[in-house]
Amino acid sequence: VDGGEVVLGPDGKPTGMLSEKANNYALERLPSDTLTCMQEKIQRAIAVYNNLGFTTILEGGLGIYGDQSDAVKIFCMLDKKNELNARLWLQATSRHIDQWLKFGLFGGAGSSHLQFGGFKTFVDGSIQGYTGAMKQGYFDRPQEHGKLVADPEEFAASVLRYHSAGVPVAVHCNGDKAVEIAVQAFEAAQKACPRPEL
């Protein structure tokens, strides 16, 4: 799977371990919850956060695991009924951001409890999974350098595109190689379209 891996055992058969985009690929194929079930899960999750003292929640990337339009509908419905018991800041992948741009949901749309926050994208995986893109090998696995889950040029183009449209951009990057790619993309975007507020 491009940008991910189905881990194989010594016998050449899948071990059940999926990394990065291979995991996303599998999750996208699971059956969807009903709207009622999804709403109950969202409300239970918010209640757990409330019980722990949290009043604001950052959604880390709608669309990572497939089309999550139903979740957005539920957030909007709960907000309209004043039943969204937390402030939500929604980030989404390009799957949803393009729709949000089309409908003008940035720059003041939403409410005091629901904001359409920005574009979420990924450059690499995680340090603990040895998939964070590193310039040098990992200390305990020197042969492993992690992996990029995005082409650097395509990544830079997407940062420029959304940055130029006034959309905040959040980037998942762990390894030093990935961080450097992200910083260079932001520098290029700011140079091409200065937006100090972003």
C-alpha atoms as a PDB file:
ATOM      1  CA  VAL A   1       0.000   0.000   0.000  1.00  0.00           C
ATOM      2  CA  ASP A   2       1.471   3.341  -1.022  1.00  0.00           C
ATOM      3  CA  GLY A   3       2.535   5.212   2.139  1.00  0.00           C
ATOM      4  CA  GLY A   4       1.998   2.200   4.385  1.00  0.00           C
ATOM      5  CA  GLU A   5       2.849  -1.426   4.895  1.00  0.00           C
ATOM      6  CA  VAL A   6       1.153  -4.754   5.478  1.00  0.00           C
ATOM      7  CA  VAL A   7       3.735  -6.351   7.777  1.00  0.00           C
ATOM      8  CA  LEU A   8       4.684  -9.869   6.728  1.00  0.00           C
ATOM      9  CA  GLY A   9       6.109 -12.571   8.972  1.00  0.00           C
ATOM     10  CA  PRO A  10       9.108 -14.821   8.195  1.00  0.00           C
ATOM     11  CA  ASP A  11       6.693 -17.146   6.398  1.00  0.00           C
ATOM     12  CA  GLY A  12       5.671 -14.344   4.014  1.00  0.00           C
ATOM     13  CA  LYS A  13       2.129 -14.180   5.408  1.00  0.00           C
ATOM     14  CA  PRO A  14       0.511 -11.058   6.920  1.00  0.00           C
ATOM     15  CA  THR A  15       1.043 -10.780  10.676  1.00  0.00           C
ATOM     16  CA  GLY A  16      -2.043  -8.614  11.193  1.00  0.00           C
ATOM     17  CA  MET A  17       0.110  -5.518  11.741  1.00  0.00           C
ATOM     18  CA  LEU A  18      -0.707  -2.603   9.430  1.00  0.00           C
ATOM     19  CA  SER A  19       1.330   0.587   9.413  1.00  0.00           C
ATOM     20  CA  GLU A  20       0.325   4.092   8.388  1.00  0.00           C
ATOM     21  CA  LYS A  21      -1.798   4.252   5.212  1.00  0.00           C
ATOM     22  CA  ALA A  22      -2.298   0.482   5.157  1.00  0.00           C
ATOM     23  CA  ASN A  23      -4.171   0.916   8.445  1.00  0.00           C
ATOM     24  CA  ASN A  24      -6.255   3.753   6.969  1.00  0.00           C
ATOM     25  CA  TYR A  25      -6.988   1.645   3.887  1.00  0.00           C
ATOM     26  CA  ALA A  26      -8.365  -1.163   6.072  1.00  0.00           C
ATOM     27  CA  LEU A  27     -10.383   1.163   8.332  1.00  0.00           C
ATOM     28  CA  GLU A  28     -12.059   2.803   5.331  1.00  0.00           C
ATOM     29  CA  ARG A  29     -13.534  -0.576   4.445  1.00  0.00           C
ATOM     30  CA  LEU A  30     -15.231  -1.233   7.778  1.00  0.00           C
ATOM     31  CA  PRO A  31     -19.018  -0.876   7.849  1.00  0.00           C
ATOM     32  CA  SER A  32     -20.220   2.590   8.840  1.00  0.00           C
ATOM     33  CA  ASP A  33     -22.144   3.273  12.038  1.00  0.00           C
ATOM     34  CA  THR A  34     -25.757   4.350  11.780  1.00  0.00           C
ATOM     35  CA  LEU A  35     -26.307   8.061  12.447  1.00  0.00           C
ATOM     36  CA  THR A  36     -27.973   7.219  15.767  1.00  0.00           C
ATOM     37  CA  CYS A  37     -25.073   5.013  16.859  1.00  0.00           C
ATOM     38  CA  MET A  38     -22.514   7.611  15.768  1.00  0.00           C
ATOM     39  CA  GLN A  39     -24.365  10.368  17.632  1.00  0.00           C
ATOM     40  CA  GLU A  40     -24.450   8.262  20.808  1.00  0.00           C
ATOM     41  CA  LYS A  41     -20.706   7.590  20.534  1.00  0.00           C
ATOM     42  CA  ILE A  42     -19.931  11.276  19.986  1.00  0.00           C
ATOM     43  CA  GLN A  43     -22.075  12.333  22.953  1.00  0.00           C
ATOM     44  CA  ARG A  44     -20.517   9.642  25.183  1.00  0.00           C
ATOM     45  CA  ALA A  45     -17.016  10.742  24.174  1.00  0.00           C
ATOM     46  CA  ILE A  46     -17.796  14.401  24.887  1.00  0.00           C
ATOM     47  CA  ALA A  47     -19.255  13.408  28.295  1.00  0.00           C
ATOM     48  CA  VAL A  48     -16.027  11.556  29.135  1.00  0.00           C
ATOM     49  CA  TYR A  49     -14.000  14.658  28.211  1.00  0.00           C
ATOM     50  CA  ASN A  50     -16.340  16.856  30.270  1.00  0.00           C
ATOM     51  CA  ASN A  51     -15.984  14.552  33.297  1.00  0.00           C
ATOM     52  CA  LEU A  52     -12.211  14.927  33.031  1.00  0.00           C
ATOM     53  CA  GLY A  53     -12.551  18.726  32.967  1.00  0.00           C
ATOM     54  CA  PHE A  54     -12.055  19.320  29.255  1.00  0.00           C
ATOM     55  CA  THR A  55     -14.229  21.974  27.657  1.00  0.00           C
ATOM     56  CA  THR A  56     -12.504  22.259  24.269  1.00  0.00           C
ATOM     57  CA  ILE A  57     -11.739  19.428  21.848  1.00  0.00           C
ATOM     58  CA  LEU A  58      -9.567  19.538  18.742  1.00  0.00           C
ATOM     59  CA  GLU A  59     -10.696  16.981  16.144  1.00  0.00           C
ATOM     60  CA  GLY A  60      -7.401  15.792  14.722  1.00  0.00           C
ATOM     61  CA  GLY A  61      -8.404  15.070  11.144  1.00  0.00           C
ATOM     62  CA  LEU A  62     -11.828  14.239   9.796  1.00  0.00           C
ATOM     63  CA  GLY A  63     -11.497  12.209   6.620  1.00  0.00           C
ATOM     64  CA  ILE A  64      -8.392  10.263   7.595  1.00  0.00           C
ATOM     65  CA  TYR A  65     -10.459   7.090   7.803  1.00  0.00           C
ATOM     66  CA  GLY A  66     -12.778   7.712   4.887  1.00  0.00           C
ATOM     67  CA  ASP A  67     -15.766   9.959   4.377  1.00  0.00           C
ATOM     68  CA  GLN A  68     -16.831  11.374   7.725  1.00  0.00           C
ATOM     69  CA  SER A  69     -19.526  13.732   6.479  1.00  0.00           C
ATOM     70  CA  ASP A  70     -22.024  12.084   8.832  1.00  0.00           C
ATOM     71  CA  ALA A  71     -19.898  13.039  11.840  1.00  0.00           C
ATOM     72  CA  VAL A  72     -19.863  16.662  10.650  1.00  0.00           C
ATOM     73  CA  LYS A  73     -23.663  16.558  10.262  1.00  0.00           C
ATOM     74  CA  ILE A  74     -23.994  15.285  13.834  1.00  0.00           C
ATOM     75  CA  PHE A  75     -21.668  17.957  15.210  1.00  0.00           C
ATOM     76  CA  CYS A  76     -23.727  20.627  13.406  1.00  0.00           C
ATOM     77  CA  MET A  77     -27.039  19.155  14.596  1.00  0.00           C
ATOM     78  CA  LEU A  78     -25.884  18.950  18.217  1.00  0.00           C
ATOM     79  CA  ASP A  79     -24.596  22.508  18.011  1.00  0.00           C
ATOM     80  CA  LYS A  80     -27.896  23.765  16.579  1.00  0.00           C
ATOM     81  CA  LYS A  81     -29.812  22.061  19.416  1.00  0.00           C
ATOM     82  CA  ASN A  82     -27.363  23.483  22.029  1.00  0.00           C
ATOM     83  CA  GLU A  83     -26.381  19.933  22.950  1.00  0.00           C
ATOM     84  CA  LEU A  84     -22.715  20.180  21.988  1.00  0.00           C
ATOM     85  CA  ASN A  85     -21.311  20.262  25.515  1.00  0.00           C
ATOM     86  CA  ALA A  86     -17.816  21.249  24.458  1.00  0.00           C
ATOM     87  CA  ARG A  87     -16.165  23.665  22.083  1.00  0.00           C
ATOM     88  CA  LEU A  88     -15.093  21.765  18.978  1.00  0.00           C
ATOM     89  CA  TRP A  89     -12.367  22.826  16.561  1.00  0.00           C
ATOM     90  CA  LEU A  90     -12.632  20.605  13.479  1.00  0.00           C
ATOM     91  CA  GLN A  91      -9.648  19.850  11.292  1.00  0.00           C
ATOM     92  CA  ALA A  92     -10.047  17.773   8.172  1.00  0.00           C
ATOM     93  CA  THR A  93      -8.176  16.242   5.298  1.00  0.00           C
ATOM     94  CA  SER A  94      -8.602  17.548   1.752  1.00  0.00           C
ATOM     95  CA  ARG A  95     -11.554  15.157   1.368  1.00  0.00           C
ATOM     96  CA  HIS A  96     -13.636  17.539   3.523  1.00  0.00           C
ATOM     97  CA  ILE A  97     -11.722  20.827   3.377  1.00  0.00           C
ATOM     98  CA  ASP A  98     -12.528  21.315  -0.291  1.00  0.00           C
ATOM     99  CA  GLN A  99     -16.263  21.065   0.524  1.00  0.00           C
ATOM    100  CA  TRP A 100     -15.879  23.425   3.469  1.00  0.00           C
ATOM    101  CA  LEU A 101     -14.121  25.971   1.255  1.00  0.00           C
ATOM    102  CA  LYS A 102     -16.863  25.684  -1.358  1.00  0.00           C
ATOM    103  CA  PHE A 103     -19.505  26.397   1.286  1.00  0.00           C
ATOM    104  CA  GLY A 104     -17.553  29.273   2.870  1.00  0.00           C
ATOM    105  CA  LEU A 105     -17.132  27.634   6.266  1.00  0.00           C
ATOM    106  CA  PHE A 106     -13.910  29.455   7.137  1.00  0.00           C
ATOM    107  CA  GLY A 107     -13.543  32.959   8.479  1.00  0.00           C
ATOM    108  CA  GLY A 108     -16.398  33.199  10.942  1.00  0.00           C
ATOM    109  CA  ALA A 109     -18.783  30.379  10.042  1.00  0.00           C
ATOM    110  CA  GLY A 110     -19.833  28.062  12.817  1.00  0.00           C
ATOM    111  CA  SER A 111     -20.623  29.142  16.370  1.00  0.00           C
ATOM    112  CA  SER A 112     -19.030  29.674  19.752  1.00  0.00           C
ATOM    113  CA  HIS A 113     -19.042  25.881  20.164  1.00  0.00           C
ATOM    114  CA  LEU A 114     -18.264  24.679  16.631  1.00  0.00           C
ATOM    115  CA  GLN A 115     -15.482  26.009  14.424  1.00  0.00           C
ATOM    116  CA  PHE A 116     -14.245  24.727  11.084  1.00  0.00           C
ATOM    117  CA  GLY A 117     -10.593  24.987  11.938  1.00  0.00           C
ATOM    118  CA  GLY A 118      -8.237  23.899   9.242  1.00  0.00           C
ATOM    119  CA  PHE A 119      -6.528  21.425   6.949  1.00  0.00           C
ATOM    120  CA  LYS A 120      -4.817  18.399   8.531  1.00  0.00           C
ATOM    121  CA  THR A 121      -2.157  16.560   6.604  1.00  0.00           C
ATOM    122  CA  PHE A 122       0.618  14.075   7.236  1.00  0.00           C
ATOM    123  CA  VAL A 123       4.262  13.824   6.208  1.00  0.00           C
ATOM    124  CA  ASP A 124       5.375  10.695   8.055  1.00  0.00           C
ATOM    125  CA  GLY A 125       4.399   8.133  10.652  1.00  0.00           C
ATOM    126  CA  SER A 126       5.337   7.750  14.302  1.00  0.00           C
ATOM    127  CA  ILE A 127       8.579   7.409  16.215  1.00  0.00           C
ATOM    128  CA  GLN A 128       7.284   4.519  18.336  1.00  0.00           C
ATOM    129  CA  GLY A 129       6.222   2.636  15.201  1.00  0.00           C
ATOM    130  CA  TYR A 130       9.589   3.296  13.502  1.00  0.00           C
ATOM    131  CA  THR A 131       7.712   5.017  10.686  1.00  0.00           C
ATOM    132  CA  GLY A 132       8.698   8.613  11.506  1.00  0.00           C
ATOM    133  CA  ALA A 133      10.938   9.739   8.624  1.00  0.00           C
ATOM    134  CA  MET A 134      14.483  10.152   9.974  1.00  0.00           C
ATOM    135  CA  LYS A 135      17.670  11.371   8.294  1.00  0.00           C
ATOM    136  CA  GLN A 136      19.684   8.797  10.229  1.00  0.00           C
ATOM    137  CA  GLY A 137      18.592   5.358  11.344  1.00  0.00           C
ATOM    138  CA  TYR A 138      16.862   4.785  14.656  1.00  0.00           C
ATOM    139  CA  PHE A 139      19.195   4.286  17.643  1.00  0.00           C
ATOM    140  CA  ASP A 140      18.047   0.709  18.256  1.00  0.00           C
ATOM    141  CA  ARG A 141      17.326  -0.065  14.593  1.00  0.00           C
ATOM    142  CA  PRO A 142      19.982   1.756  12.564  1.00  0.00           C
ATOM    143  CA  GLN A 143      18.743   0.203   9.315  1.00  0.00           C
ATOM    144  CA  GLU A 144      15.286   1.799   9.810  1.00  0.00           C
ATOM    145  CA  HIS A 145      14.763   5.364   8.603  1.00  0.00           C
ATOM    146  CA  GLY A 146      10.961   5.461   8.767  1.00  0.00           C
ATOM    147  CA  LYS A 147       8.905   6.525   5.792  1.00  0.00           C
ATOM    148  CA  LEU A 148       7.280   9.487   4.192  1.00  0.00           C
ATOM    149  CA  VAL A 149       3.543   9.112   3.634  1.00  0.00           C
ATOM    150  CA  ALA A 150       3.428  12.108   1.300  1.00  0.00           C
ATOM    151  CA  ASP A 151       5.472  13.138  -1.706  1.00  0.00           C
ATOM    152  CA  PRO A 152       7.381  16.293  -0.611  1.00  0.00           C
ATOM    153  CA  GLU A 153       6.435  18.255  -3.755  1.00  0.00           C
ATOM    154  CA  GLU A 154       2.749  17.300  -3.543  1.00  0.00           C
ATOM    155  CA  PHE A 155       2.783  18.094   0.178  1.00  0.00           C
ATOM    156  CA  ALA A 156       4.301  21.553  -0.445  1.00  0.00           C
ATOM    157  CA  ALA A 157       1.702  22.230  -3.157  1.00  0.00           C
ATOM    158  CA  SER A 158      -1.169  21.353  -0.793  1.00  0.00           C
ATOM    159  CA  VAL A 159       0.268  23.555   1.977  1.00  0.00           C
ATOM    160  CA  LEU A 160       0.528  26.456  -0.487  1.00  0.00           C
ATOM    161  CA  ARG A 161      -2.973  25.848  -1.829  1.00  0.00           C
ATOM    162  CA  TYR A 162      -4.733  25.902   1.543  1.00  0.00           C
ATOM    163  CA  HIS A 163      -2.468  28.555   3.062  1.00  0.00           C
ATOM    164  CA  SER A 164      -3.217  30.846   0.091  1.00  0.00           C
ATOM    165  CA  ALA A 165      -6.946  30.264   0.637  1.00  0.00           C
ATOM    166  CA  GLY A 166      -6.626  31.424   4.260  1.00  0.00           C
ATOM    167  CA  VAL A 167      -7.045  27.955   5.767  1.00  0.00           C
ATOM    168  CA  PRO A 168      -4.845  27.106   8.766  1.00  0.00           C
ATOM    169  CA  VAL A 169      -2.682  24.063   8.042  1.00  0.00           C
ATOM    170  CA  ALA A 170      -1.820  21.471  10.714  1.00  0.00           C
ATOM    171  CA  VAL A 171       0.863  18.930   9.922  1.00  0.00           C
ATOM    172  CA  HIS A 172       1.645  15.585  11.508  1.00  0.00           C
ATOM    173  CA  CYS A 173       5.407  15.148  11.315  1.00  0.00           C
ATOM    174  CA  ASN A 174       7.631  13.317  13.803  1.00  0.00           C
ATOM    175  CA  GLY A 175      10.992  12.481  12.290  1.00  0.00           C
ATOM    176  CA  ASP A 176      13.591  15.156  11.604  1.00  0.00           C
ATOM    177  CA  LYS A 177      13.419  14.516   7.856  1.00  0.00           C
ATOM    178  CA  ALA A 178       9.629  15.043   7.906  1.00  0.00           C
ATOM    179  CA  VAL A 179       9.897  18.148  10.090  1.00  0.00           C
ATOM    180  CA  GLU A 180      12.387  19.664   7.636  1.00  0.00           C
ATOM    181  CA  ILE A 181      10.025  18.987   4.715  1.00  0.00           C
ATOM    182  CA  ALA A 182       7.149  20.623   6.626  1.00  0.00           C
ATOM    183  CA  VAL A 183       9.182  23.700   7.613  1.00  0.00           C
ATOM    184  CA  GLN A 184      10.399  24.173   4.034  1.00  0.00           C
ATOM    185  CA  ALA A 185       6.813  23.932   2.742  1.00  0.00           C
ATOM    186  CA  PHE A 186       5.598  26.566   5.228  1.00  0.00           C
ATOM    187  CA  GLU A 187       8.520  28.859   4.404  1.00  0.00           C
ATOM    188  CA  ALA A 188       7.761  28.572   0.681  1.00  0.00           C
ATOM    189  CA  ALA A 189       4.027  29.188   1.269  1.00  0.00           C
ATOM    190  CA  GLN A 190       4.677  32.275   3.401  1.00  0.00           C
ATOM    191  CA  LYS A 191       7.106  33.607   0.802  1.00  0.00           C
ATOM    192  CA  ALA A 192       4.635  33.058  -2.061  1.00  0.00           C
ATOM    193  CA  CYS A 193       1.627  34.346  -0.091  1.00  0.00           C
ATOM    194  CA  PRO A 194       2.556  36.177   3.120  1.00  0.00           C
ATOM    195  CA  ARG A 195      -0.041  35.513   5.839  1.00  0.00           C
ATOM    196  CA  PRO A 196       1.615  36.220   9.195  1.00  0.00           C
ATOM    197  CA  GLU A 197      -1.652  35.460  11.018  1.00  0.00           C
ATOM    198  CA  LEU A 198      -1.538  31.806   9.889  1.00  0.00           C
END
